PDB file of N, CA and C in Angstrom:
ATOM      1  N   MET A   1     -29.032  -5.901-104.732  1.00  0.00           N
ATOM      2  CA  MET A   1     -30.312  -6.567-104.669  1.00  0.00           C
ATOM      3  C   MET A   1     -30.052  -8.065-104.517  1.00  0.00           C
ATOM      4  N   SER A   2     -30.772  -8.710-103.591  1.00  0.00           N
ATOM      5  CA  SER A   2     -30.574 -10.139-103.369  1.00  0.00           C
ATOM      6  C   SER A   2     -31.464 -10.959-104.294  1.00  0.00           C
ATOM      7  N   ALA A   3     -31.144 -12.253-104.396  1.00  0.00           N
ATOM      8  CA  ALA A   3     -31.914 -13.152-105.262  1.00  0.00           C
ATOM      9  C   ALA A   3     -33.302 -13.377-104.673  1.00  0.00           C
ATOM     10  N   PRO A   4     -34.333 -13.566-105.523  1.00  0.00           N
ATOM     11  CA  PRO A   4     -35.679 -13.824-105.017  1.00  0.00           C
ATOM     12  C   PRO A   4     -35.722 -15.133-104.237  1.00  0.00           C
ATOM     13  N   THR A   5     -36.544 -15.149-103.197  1.00  0.00           N
ATOM     14  CA  THR A   5     -36.706 -16.323-102.356  1.00  0.00           C
ATOM     15  C   THR A   5     -37.812 -17.202-102.911  1.00  0.00           C
ATOM     16  N   ALA A   6     -37.555 -18.530-103.004  1.00  0.00           N
ATOM     17  CA  ALA A   6     -38.591 -19.468-103.455  1.00  0.00           C
ATOM     18  C   ALA A   6     -39.672 -19.542-102.386  1.00  0.00           C
ATOM     19  N   LEU A   7     -40.925 -19.359-102.793  1.00  0.00           N
ATOM     20  CA  LEU A   7     -42.032 -19.363-101.846  1.00  0.00           C
ATOM     21  C   LEU A   7     -42.430 -20.781-101.476  1.00  0.00           C
ATOM     22  N   ARG A   8     -42.761 -20.965-100.197  1.00  0.00           N
ATOM     23  CA  ARG A   8     -43.311 -22.228 -99.705  1.00  0.00           C
ATOM     24  C   ARG A   8     -44.215 -21.896 -98.512  1.00  0.00           C
ATOM     25  N   PRO A   9     -45.271 -22.666 -98.294  1.00  0.00           N
ATOM     26  CA  PRO A   9     -46.177 -22.375 -97.179  1.00  0.00           C
ATOM     27  C   PRO A   9     -45.421 -22.355 -95.847  1.00  0.00           C
ATOM     28  N   GLY A  10     -45.740 -21.361 -95.036  1.00  0.00           N
ATOM     29  CA  GLY A  10     -45.122 -21.220 -93.724  1.00  0.00           C
ATOM     30  C   GLY A  10     -43.855 -20.385 -93.718  1.00  0.00           C
ATOM     31  N   LEU A  11     -43.348 -20.024 -94.897  1.00  0.00           N
ATOM     32  CA  LEU A  11     -42.130 -19.223 -94.996  1.00  0.00           C
ATOM     33  C   LEU A  11     -42.395 -17.823 -94.459  1.00  0.00           C
ATOM     34  N   ARG A  12     -41.526 -17.346 -93.572  1.00  0.00           N
ATOM     35  CA  ARG A  12     -41.643 -16.003 -93.007  1.00  0.00           C
ATOM     36  C   ARG A  12     -40.637 -15.105 -93.716  1.00  0.00           C
ATOM     37  N   LEU A  13     -41.132 -13.997 -94.256  1.00  0.00           N
ATOM     38  CA  LEU A  13     -40.299 -13.061 -95.004  1.00  0.00           C
ATOM     39  C   LEU A  13     -40.452 -11.661 -94.446  1.00  0.00           C
ATOM     40  N   ARG A  14     -39.448 -10.820 -94.723  1.00  0.00           N
ATOM     41  CA  ARG A  14     -39.557  -9.420 -94.334  1.00  0.00           C
ATOM     42  C   ARG A  14     -39.041  -8.536 -95.450  1.00  0.00           C
ATOM     43  N   SER A  15     -39.437  -7.287 -95.373  1.00  0.00           N
ATOM     44  CA  SER A  15     -39.072  -6.302 -96.385  1.00  0.00           C
ATOM     45  C   SER A  15     -37.668  -5.769 -96.140  1.00  0.00           C
ATOM     46  N   GLN A  16     -37.008  -5.386 -97.229  1.00  0.00           N
ATOM     47  CA  GLN A  16     -35.717  -4.705 -97.133  1.00  0.00           C
ATOM     48  C   GLN A  16     -35.894  -3.191 -97.067  1.00  0.00           C
ATOM     49  N   THR A  17     -37.142  -2.715 -97.259  1.00  0.00           N
ATOM     50  CA  THR A  17     -37.382  -1.277 -97.347  1.00  0.00           C
ATOM     51  C   THR A  17     -38.205  -0.704 -96.201  1.00  0.00           C
ATOM     52  N   CYS A  18     -38.822  -1.557 -95.388  1.00  0.00           N
ATOM     53  CA  CYS A  18     -39.669  -1.072 -94.296  1.00  0.00           C
ATOM     54  C   CYS A  18     -39.829  -2.187 -93.266  1.00  0.00           C
ATOM     55  N   SER A  19     -40.769  -2.021 -92.345  1.00  0.00           N
ATOM     56  CA  SER A  19     -40.957  -2.994 -91.271  1.00  0.00           C
ATOM     57  C   SER A  19     -41.915  -4.136 -91.619  1.00  0.00           C
ATOM     58  N   THR A  20     -42.413  -4.210 -92.851  1.00  0.00           N
ATOM     59  CA  THR A  20     -43.366  -5.245 -93.249  1.00  0.00           C
ATOM     60  C   THR A  20     -42.787  -6.649 -93.096  1.00  0.00           C
ATOM     61  N   GLU A  21     -43.577  -7.539 -92.477  1.00  0.00           N
ATOM     62  CA  GLU A  21     -43.245  -8.958 -92.374  1.00  0.00           C
ATOM     63  C   GLU A  21     -44.480  -9.754 -92.767  1.00  0.00           C
ATOM     64  N   VAL A  22     -44.268 -10.881 -93.461  1.00  0.00           N
ATOM     65  CA  VAL A  22     -45.375 -11.715 -93.923  1.00  0.00           C
ATOM     66  C   VAL A  22     -45.077 -13.191 -93.683  1.00  0.00           C
ATOM     67  N   ILE A  23     -46.137 -13.990 -93.722  1.00  0.00           N
ATOM     68  CA  ILE A  23     -46.048 -15.450 -93.748  1.00  0.00           C
ATOM     69  C   ILE A  23     -46.731 -15.890 -95.031  1.00  0.00           C
ATOM     70  N   VAL A  24     -46.080 -16.769 -95.793  1.00  0.00           N
ATOM     71  CA  VAL A  24     -46.677 -17.304 -97.008  1.00  0.00           C
ATOM     72  C   VAL A  24     -47.718 -18.349 -96.592  1.00  0.00           C
ATOM     73  N   VAL A  25     -48.970 -18.147 -97.012  1.00  0.00           N
ATOM     74  CA  VAL A  25     -50.056 -19.076 -96.698  1.00  0.00           C
ATOM     75  C   VAL A  25     -50.197 -20.117 -97.807  1.00  0.00           C
ATOM     76  N   ARG A  26     -50.211 -19.651 -99.059  1.00  0.00           N
ATOM     77  CA  ARG A  26     -50.298 -20.541-100.220  1.00  0.00           C
ATOM     78  C   ARG A  26     -49.342 -20.029-101.292  1.00  0.00           C
ATOM     79  N   THR A  27     -48.798 -20.954-102.089  1.00  0.00           N
ATOM     80  CA  THR A  27     -47.788 -20.562-103.078  1.00  0.00           C
ATOM     81  C   THR A  27     -48.283 -20.509-104.511  1.00  0.00           C
ATOM     82  N   GLY A  28     -49.366 -21.139-104.849  1.00  0.00           N
ATOM     83  CA  GLY A  28     -49.856 -21.112-106.225  1.00  0.00           C
ATOM     84  C   GLY A  28     -48.915 -21.835-107.162  1.00  0.00           C
ATOM     85  N   ALA A  29     -48.763 -21.320-108.387  1.00  0.00           N
ATOM     86  CA  ALA A  29     -47.949 -21.958-109.420  1.00  0.00           C
ATOM     87  C   ALA A  29     -46.459 -21.678-109.251  1.00  0.00           C
ATOM     88  N   GLY A  30     -46.097 -20.801-108.330  1.00  0.00           N
ATOM     89  CA  GLY A  30     -44.690 -20.506-108.090  1.00  0.00           C
ATOM     90  C   GLY A  30     -44.082 -19.519-109.055  1.00  0.00           C
ATOM     91  N   THR A  31     -44.907 -18.689-109.700  1.00  0.00           N
ATOM     92  CA  THR A  31     -44.398 -17.738-110.686  1.00  0.00           C
ATOM     93  C   THR A  31     -44.342 -16.316-110.144  1.00  0.00           C
ATOM     94  N   VAL A  32     -44.703 -16.105-108.893  1.00  0.00           N
ATOM     95  CA  VAL A  32     -44.740 -14.765-108.310  1.00  0.00           C
ATOM     96  C   VAL A  32     -43.384 -14.406-107.701  1.00  0.00           C
ATOM     97  N   GLU A  33     -42.885 -13.199-108.043  1.00  0.00           N
ATOM     98  CA  GLU A  33     -41.670 -12.657-107.444  1.00  0.00           C
ATOM     99  C   GLU A  33     -42.119 -11.666-106.368  1.00  0.00           C
ATOM    100  N   LEU A  34     -42.170 -12.107-105.121  1.00  0.00           N
ATOM    101  CA  LEU A  34     -42.697 -11.299-104.027  1.00  0.00           C
ATOM    102  C   LEU A  34     -41.722 -10.188-103.651  1.00  0.00           C
ATOM    103  N   THR A  35     -42.207  -8.943-103.761  1.00  0.00           N
ATOM    104  CA  THR A  35     -41.401  -7.783-103.414  1.00  0.00           C
ATOM    105  C   THR A  35     -42.178  -6.891-102.456  1.00  0.00           C
ATOM    106  N   CYS A  36     -41.462  -5.975-101.820  1.00  0.00           N
ATOM    107  CA  CYS A  36     -42.101  -4.970-100.964  1.00  0.00           C
ATOM    108  C   CYS A  36     -41.329  -3.673-101.144  1.00  0.00           C
ATOM    109  N   GLY A  37     -42.020  -2.622-101.511  1.00  0.00           N
ATOM    110  CA  GLY A  37     -41.368  -1.341-101.738  1.00  0.00           C
ATOM    111  C   GLY A  37     -40.423  -1.343-102.922  1.00  0.00           C
ATOM    112  N   GLY A  38     -40.578  -2.328-103.828  1.00  0.00           N
ATOM    113  CA  GLY A  38     -39.748  -2.404-105.022  1.00  0.00           C
ATOM    114  C   GLY A  38     -38.510  -3.280-104.879  1.00  0.00           C
ATOM    115  N   GLN A  39     -38.309  -3.892-103.713  1.00  0.00           N
ATOM    116  CA  GLN A  39     -37.157  -4.768-103.475  1.00  0.00           C
ATOM    117  C   GLN A  39     -37.639  -6.164-103.093  1.00  0.00           C
ATOM    118  N   PRO A  40     -36.899  -7.213-103.463  1.00  0.00           N
ATOM    119  CA  PRO A  40     -37.304  -8.583-103.107  1.00  0.00           C
ATOM    120  C   PRO A  40     -37.422  -8.761-101.590  1.00  0.00           C
ATOM    121  N   MET A  41     -38.405  -9.549-101.180  1.00  0.00           N
ATOM    122  CA  MET A  41     -38.545  -9.911 -99.771  1.00  0.00           C
ATOM    123  C   MET A  41     -37.414 -10.882 -99.432  1.00  0.00           C
ATOM    124  N   VAL A  42     -36.947 -10.842 -98.179  1.00  0.00           N
ATOM    125  CA  VAL A  42     -35.857 -11.712 -97.724  1.00  0.00           C
ATOM    126  C   VAL A  42     -36.320 -12.498 -96.501  1.00  0.00           C
ATOM    127  N   GLY A  43     -35.568 -13.526 -96.154  1.00  0.00           N
ATOM    128  CA  GLY A  43     -35.881 -14.312 -94.965  1.00  0.00           C
ATOM    129  C   GLY A  43     -35.915 -13.437 -93.722  1.00  0.00           C
ATOM    130  N   ARG A  44     -36.708 -13.830 -92.758  1.00  0.00           N
ATOM    131  CA  ARG A  44     -36.884 -13.020 -91.558  1.00  0.00           C
ATOM    132  C   ARG A  44     -35.579 -12.796 -90.802  1.00  0.00           C
ATOM    133  N   ASP A  45     -34.643 -13.742 -90.915  1.00  0.00           N
ATOM    134  CA  ASP A  45     -33.378 -13.633 -90.194  1.00  0.00           C
ATOM    135  C   ASP A  45     -32.286 -12.911 -90.979  1.00  0.00           C
ATOM    136  N   ALA A  46     -32.565 -12.516 -92.217  1.00  0.00           N
ATOM    137  CA  ALA A  46     -31.575 -11.829 -93.049  1.00  0.00           C
ATOM    138  C   ALA A  46     -31.334 -10.410 -92.528  1.00  0.00           C
ATOM    139  N   ASP A  47     -30.142  -9.892 -92.796  1.00  0.00           N
ATOM    140  CA  ASP A  47     -29.817  -8.522 -92.394  1.00  0.00           C
ATOM    141  C   ASP A  47     -30.662  -7.528 -93.179  1.00  0.00           C
ATOM    142  N   ALA A  48     -31.078  -6.453 -92.512  1.00  0.00           N
ATOM    143  CA  ALA A  48     -31.861  -5.409 -93.169  1.00  0.00           C
ATOM    144  C   ALA A  48     -30.961  -4.596 -94.079  1.00  0.00           C
ATOM    145  N   ALA A  49     -31.444  -4.308 -95.264  1.00  0.00           N
ATOM    146  CA  ALA A  49     -30.675  -3.538 -96.231  1.00  0.00           C
ATOM    147  C   ALA A  49     -30.793  -2.038 -95.973  1.00  0.00           C
ATOM    148  N   GLY A  50     -31.857  -1.610 -95.285  1.00  0.00           N
ATOM    149  CA  GLY A  50     -32.049  -0.196 -94.996  1.00  0.00           C
ATOM    150  C   GLY A  50     -32.385   0.641 -96.212  1.00  0.00           C
ATOM    151  N   LEU A  51     -33.003   0.035 -97.212  1.00  0.00           N
ATOM    152  CA  LEU A  51     -33.374   0.739 -98.440  1.00  0.00           C
ATOM    153  C   LEU A  51     -34.696   1.480 -98.251  1.00  0.00           C
ATOM    154  N   GLU A  52     -34.913   2.481 -99.062  1.00  0.00           N
ATOM    155  CA  GLU A  52     -36.174   3.231 -99.042  1.00  0.00           C
ATOM    156  C   GLU A  52     -37.133   2.616-100.053  1.00  0.00           C
ATOM    157  N   PRO A  53     -38.457   2.575 -99.743  1.00  0.00           N
ATOM    158  CA  PRO A  53     -39.426   2.078-100.727  1.00  0.00           C
ATOM    159  C   PRO A  53     -39.473   2.993-101.950  1.00  0.00           C
ATOM    160  N   ALA A  54     -39.688   2.401-103.130  1.00  0.00           N
ATOM    161  CA  ALA A  54     -39.880   3.190-104.350  1.00  0.00           C
ATOM    162  C   ALA A  54     -41.136   4.040-104.163  1.00  0.00           C
ATOM    163  N   ALA A  55     -41.122   5.250-104.689  1.00  0.00           N
ATOM    164  CA  ALA A  55     -42.226   6.193-104.497  1.00  0.00           C
ATOM    165  C   ALA A  55     -43.575   5.618-104.932  1.00  0.00           C
ATOM    166  N   ASP A  56     -43.593   4.865-106.047  1.00  0.00           N
ATOM    167  CA  ASP A  56     -44.853   4.309-106.539  1.00  0.00           C
ATOM    168  C   ASP A  56     -45.220   2.999-105.843  1.00  0.00           C
ATOM    169  N   LEU A  57     -44.371   2.509-104.933  1.00  0.00           N
ATOM    170  CA  LEU A  57     -44.650   1.280-104.185  1.00  0.00           C
ATOM    171  C   LEU A  57     -44.518   1.535-102.687  1.00  0.00           C
ATOM    172  N   ALA A  58     -45.061   2.668-102.234  1.00  0.00           N
ATOM    173  CA  ALA A  58     -44.987   3.041-100.823  1.00  0.00           C
ATOM    174  C   ALA A  58     -46.380   3.261-100.244  1.00  0.00           C
ATOM    175  N   GLY A  59     -47.327   2.402-100.642  1.00  0.00           N
ATOM    176  CA  GLY A  59     -48.707   2.531-100.171  1.00  0.00           C
ATOM    177  C   GLY A  59     -48.963   1.888 -98.819  1.00  0.00           C
ATOM    178  N   GLY A  60     -48.036   1.065 -98.353  1.00  0.00           N
ATOM    179  CA  GLY A  60     -48.178   0.445 -97.040  1.00  0.00           C
ATOM    180  C   GLY A  60     -48.916  -0.877 -97.065  1.00  0.00           C
ATOM    181  N   THR A  61     -48.790  -1.591 -95.946  1.00  0.00           N
ATOM    182  CA  THR A  61     -49.485  -2.864 -95.752  1.00  0.00           C
ATOM    183  C   THR A  61     -50.269  -2.796 -94.452  1.00  0.00           C
ATOM    184  N   GLN A  62     -51.267  -3.668 -94.330  1.00  0.00           N
ATOM    185  CA  GLN A  62     -52.122  -3.693 -93.141  1.00  0.00           C
ATOM    186  C   GLN A  62     -51.916  -5.001 -92.396  1.00  0.00           C
ATOM    187  N   VAL A  63     -51.619  -4.914 -91.101  1.00  0.00           N
ATOM    188  CA  VAL A  63     -51.390  -6.102 -90.295  1.00  0.00           C
ATOM    189  C   VAL A  63     -52.664  -6.953 -90.222  1.00  0.00           C
ATOM    190  N   GLY A  64     -52.493  -8.267 -90.312  1.00  0.00           N
ATOM    191  CA  GLY A  64     -53.621  -9.191 -90.217  1.00  0.00           C
ATOM    192  C   GLY A  64     -54.390  -9.387 -91.516  1.00  0.00           C
ATOM    193  N   LYS A  65     -54.005  -8.692 -92.561  1.00  0.00           N
ATOM    194  CA  LYS A  65     -54.698  -8.807 -93.851  1.00  0.00           C
ATOM    195  C   LYS A  65     -53.961  -9.777 -94.759  1.00  0.00           C
ATOM    196  N   ARG A  66     -54.715 -10.389 -95.654  1.00  0.00           N
ATOM    197  CA  ARG A  66     -54.160 -11.321 -96.629  1.00  0.00           C
ATOM    198  C   ARG A  66     -54.124 -10.650 -97.993  1.00  0.00           C
ATOM    199  N   TYR A  67     -53.039 -10.887 -98.710  1.00  0.00           N
ATOM    200  CA  TYR A  67     -52.850 -10.306-100.034  1.00  0.00           C
ATOM    201  C   TYR A  67     -52.624 -11.422-101.041  1.00  0.00           C
ATOM    202  N   THR A  68     -53.077 -11.199-102.280  1.00  0.00           N
ATOM    203  CA  THR A  68     -52.931 -12.180-103.345  1.00  0.00           C
ATOM    204  C   THR A  68     -52.480 -11.478-104.624  1.00  0.00           C
ATOM    205  N   ALA A  69     -51.893 -12.241-105.529  1.00  0.00           N
ATOM    206  CA  ALA A  69     -51.401 -11.683-106.795  1.00  0.00           C
ATOM    207  C   ALA A  69     -52.463 -11.797-107.876  1.00  0.00           C
ATOM    208  N   GLU A  70     -52.594 -10.771-108.718  1.00  0.00           N
ATOM    209  CA  GLU A  70     -53.535 -10.820-109.836  1.00  0.00           C
ATOM    210  C   GLU A  70     -53.125 -11.895-110.832  1.00  0.00           C
ATOM    211  N   SER A  71     -51.809 -12.051-111.050  1.00  0.00           N
ATOM    212  CA  SER A  71     -51.325 -13.019-112.040  1.00  0.00           C
ATOM    213  C   SER A  71     -51.494 -14.462-111.583  1.00  0.00           C
ATOM    214  N   ASP A  72     -51.553 -14.696-110.262  1.00  0.00           N
ATOM    215  CA  ASP A  72     -51.707 -16.045-109.708  1.00  0.00           C
ATOM    216  C   ASP A  72     -52.521 -15.938-108.419  1.00  0.00           C
ATOM    217  N   PRO A  73     -53.867 -15.941-108.523  1.00  0.00           N
ATOM    218  CA  PRO A  73     -54.720 -15.742-107.354  1.00  0.00           C
ATOM    219  C   PRO A  73     -54.569 -16.805-106.265  1.00  0.00           C
ATOM    220  N   ASP A  74     -53.893 -17.920-106.574  1.00  0.00           N
ATOM    221  CA  ASP A  74     -53.685 -18.947-105.555  1.00  0.00           C
ATOM    222  C   ASP A  74     -52.575 -18.570-104.580  1.00  0.00           C
ATOM    223  N   VAL A  75     -51.748 -17.579-104.921  1.00  0.00           N
ATOM    224  CA  VAL A  75     -50.718 -17.096-104.008  1.00  0.00           C
ATOM    225  C   VAL A  75     -51.398 -16.254-102.930  1.00  0.00           C
ATOM    226  N   GLU A  76     -51.031 -16.517-101.666  1.00  0.00           N
ATOM    227  CA  GLU A  76     -51.625 -15.764-100.575  1.00  0.00           C
ATOM    228  C   GLU A  76     -50.589 -15.564 -99.478  1.00  0.00           C
ATOM    229  N   VAL A  77     -50.437 -14.307 -99.033  1.00  0.00           N
ATOM    230  CA  VAL A  77     -49.541 -14.001 -97.924  1.00  0.00           C
ATOM    231  C   VAL A  77     -50.322 -13.263 -96.852  1.00  0.00           C
ATOM    232  N   LEU A  78     -49.955 -13.503 -95.589  1.00  0.00           N
ATOM    233  CA  LEU A  78     -50.588 -12.872 -94.441  1.00  0.00           C
ATOM    234  C   LEU A  78     -49.589 -11.905 -93.824  1.00  0.00           C
ATOM    235  N   VAL A  79     -49.989 -10.644 -93.656  1.00  0.00           N
ATOM    236  CA  VAL A  79     -49.108  -9.637 -93.077  1.00  0.00           C
ATOM    237  C   VAL A  79     -49.102  -9.794 -91.557  1.00  0.00           C
ATOM    238  N   THR A  80     -47.913 -10.012 -90.976  1.00  0.00           N
ATOM    239  CA  THR A  80     -47.771 -10.162 -89.526  1.00  0.00           C
ATOM    240  C   THR A  80     -47.231  -8.895 -88.871  1.00  0.00           C
ATOM    241  N   LYS A  81     -46.649  -8.013 -89.681  1.00  0.00           N
ATOM    242  CA  LYS A  81     -46.163  -6.719 -89.192  1.00  0.00           C
ATOM    243  C   LYS A  81     -46.310  -5.709 -90.321  1.00  0.00           C
ATOM    244  N   ALA A  82     -47.053  -4.637 -90.064  1.00  0.00           N
ATOM    245  CA  ALA A  82     -47.322  -3.626 -91.086  1.00  0.00           C
ATOM    246  C   ALA A  82     -46.090  -2.781 -91.368  1.00  0.00           C
ATOM    247  N   GLY A  83     -46.076  -2.158 -92.546  1.00  0.00           N
ATOM    248  CA  GLY A  83     -44.979  -1.279 -92.932  1.00  0.00           C
ATOM    249  C   GLY A  83     -45.398  -0.320 -94.016  1.00  0.00           C
ATOM    250  N   ALA A  84     -44.447   0.506 -94.465  1.00  0.00           N
ATOM    251  CA  ALA A  84     -44.731   1.560 -95.441  1.00  0.00           C
ATOM    252  C   ALA A  84     -44.674   1.094 -96.889  1.00  0.00           C
ATOM    253  N   GLY A  85     -44.008  -0.026 -97.176  1.00  0.00           N
ATOM    254  CA  GLY A  85     -43.873  -0.514 -98.547  1.00  0.00           C
ATOM    255  C   GLY A  85     -45.124  -1.231 -99.023  1.00  0.00           C
ATOM    256  N   THR A  86     -45.293  -1.298-100.338  1.00  0.00           N
ATOM    257  CA  THR A  86     -46.406  -2.017-100.961  1.00  0.00           C
ATOM    258  C   THR A  86     -45.942  -3.406-101.365  1.00  0.00           C
ATOM    259  N   LEU A  87     -46.703  -4.447-100.978  1.00  0.00           N
ATOM    260  CA  LEU A  87     -46.403  -5.801-101.426  1.00  0.00           C
ATOM    261  C   LEU A  87     -46.736  -5.901-102.901  1.00  0.00           C
ATOM    262  N   ALA A  88     -45.884  -6.592-103.658  1.00  0.00           N
ATOM    263  CA  ALA A  88     -46.089  -6.661-105.108  1.00  0.00           C
ATOM    264  C   ALA A  88     -45.529  -7.959-105.678  1.00  0.00           C
ATOM    265  N   ASP A  89     -45.990  -8.264-106.893  1.00  0.00           N
ATOM    266  CA  ASP A  89     -45.428  -9.328-107.715  1.00  0.00           C
ATOM    267  C   ASP A  89     -44.523  -8.599-108.699  1.00  0.00           C
ATOM    268  N   GLY A  90     -43.252  -8.511-108.364  1.00  0.00           N
ATOM    269  CA  GLY A  90     -42.340  -7.667-109.143  1.00  0.00           C
ATOM    270  C   GLY A  90     -42.674  -6.215-108.873  1.00  0.00           C
ATOM    271  N   THR A  91     -43.321  -5.547-109.851  1.00  0.00           N
ATOM    272  CA  THR A  91     -43.746  -4.153-109.662  1.00  0.00           C
ATOM    273  C   THR A  91     -45.266  -4.000-109.704  1.00  0.00           C
ATOM    274  N   VAL A  92     -45.994  -5.119-109.834  1.00  0.00           N
ATOM    275  CA  VAL A  92     -47.466  -5.085-109.862  1.00  0.00           C
ATOM    276  C   VAL A  92     -47.989  -5.322-108.443  1.00  0.00           C
ATOM    277  N   PRO A  93     -48.619  -4.294-107.832  1.00  0.00           N
ATOM    278  CA  PRO A  93     -49.080  -4.435-106.451  1.00  0.00           C
ATOM    279  C   PRO A  93     -50.010  -5.636-106.244  1.00  0.00           C
ATOM    280  N   LEU A  94     -49.848  -6.296-105.082  1.00  0.00           N
ATOM    281  CA  LEU A  94     -50.750  -7.377-104.707  1.00  0.00           C
ATOM    282  C   LEU A  94     -52.096  -6.775-104.330  1.00  0.00           C
ATOM    283  N   VAL A  95     -53.129  -7.600-104.380  1.00  0.00           N
ATOM    284  CA  VAL A  95     -54.493  -7.182-104.104  1.00  0.00           C
ATOM    285  C   VAL A  95     -54.880  -7.636-102.696  1.00  0.00           C
ATOM    286  N   LEU A  96     -55.510  -6.731-101.951  1.00  0.00           N
ATOM    287  CA  LEU A  96     -56.020  -7.077-100.630  1.00  0.00           C
ATOM    288  C   LEU A  96     -57.150  -8.083-100.803  1.00  0.00           C
ATOM    289  N   LYS A  97     -57.029  -9.231-100.154  1.00  0.00           N
ATOM    290  CA  LYS A  97     -58.041 -10.285-100.297  1.00  0.00           C
ATOM    291  C   LYS A  97     -59.223  -9.950 -99.403  1.00  0.00           C
ATOM    292  N   THR A  98     -60.416 -10.034 -99.973  1.00  0.00           N
ATOM    293  CA  THR A  98     -61.622  -9.744 -99.204  1.00  0.00           C
ATOM    294  C   THR A  98     -62.292 -11.033 -98.762  1.00  0.00           C
ATOM    295  N   ALA A  99     -63.078 -10.930 -97.716  1.00  0.00           N
ATOM    296  CA  ALA A  99     -63.798 -12.088 -97.204  1.00  0.00           C
ATOM    297  C   ALA A  99     -64.903 -12.488 -98.162  1.00  0.00           C
ATOM    298  N   LYS A 100     -65.143 -13.783 -98.260  1.00  0.00           N
ATOM    299  CA  LYS A 100     -66.241 -14.266 -99.100  1.00  0.00           C
ATOM    300  C   LYS A 100     -67.551 -14.013 -98.363  1.00  0.00           C
ATOM    301  N   PRO A 101     -68.567 -13.491 -99.065  1.00  0.00           N
ATOM    302  CA  PRO A 101     -69.839 -13.251 -98.387  1.00  0.00           C
ATOM    303  C   PRO A 101     -70.510 -14.569 -98.016  1.00  0.00           C
ATOM    304  N   LEU A 102     -71.103 -14.570 -96.835  1.00  0.00           N
ATOM    305  CA  LEU A 102     -71.828 -15.755 -96.386  1.00  0.00           C
ATOM    306  C   LEU A 102     -73.189 -15.812 -97.045  1.00  0.00           C
ATOM    307  N   PRO A 103     -73.718 -17.011 -97.279  1.00  0.00           N
ATOM    308  CA  PRO A 103     -75.053 -17.094 -97.877  1.00  0.00           C
ATOM    309  C   PRO A 103     -76.101 -16.551 -96.915  1.00  0.00           C
ATOM    310  N   ALA A 104     -77.140 -15.995 -97.498  1.00  0.00           N
ATOM    311  CA  ALA A 104     -78.230 -15.458 -96.682  1.00  0.00           C
ATOM    312  C   ALA A 104     -78.964 -16.602 -95.988  1.00  0.00           C
ATOM    313  N   SER A 105     -79.320 -16.364 -94.737  1.00  0.00           N
ATOM    314  CA  SER A 105     -80.068 -17.400 -94.000  1.00  0.00           C
ATOM    315  C   SER A 105     -81.509 -16.932 -93.841  1.00  0.00           C
ATOM    316  N   ASP A 106     -82.370 -17.475 -94.675  1.00  0.00           N
ATOM    317  CA  ASP A 106     -83.775 -17.061 -94.650  1.00  0.00           C
ATOM    318  C   ASP A 106     -84.608 -18.051 -93.900  1.00  0.00           C
TER     319      ASP A 106
END
């Protein structure tokens, strides 16, 4: 297992367990350990480990969607390539960020 990568805006990461790739949009307080399929995310240029996602972290990701951590809602990542692993803060799955409703125009 490789060391966790320090998050910074614009950082491109990929999963060691599937084809998931993300871009960090916001970093928050910097306390999130970004994982996918139970393994730490690595730089986009790093060699693939070829690991399998953990059974309880194999829910998949959706391309074009933004995910945030429950422990630090200011953390936000954008999925650029979907995969079979679940994005997580350690072992706690990230939450799919929903759009804010627009005010009614009466």
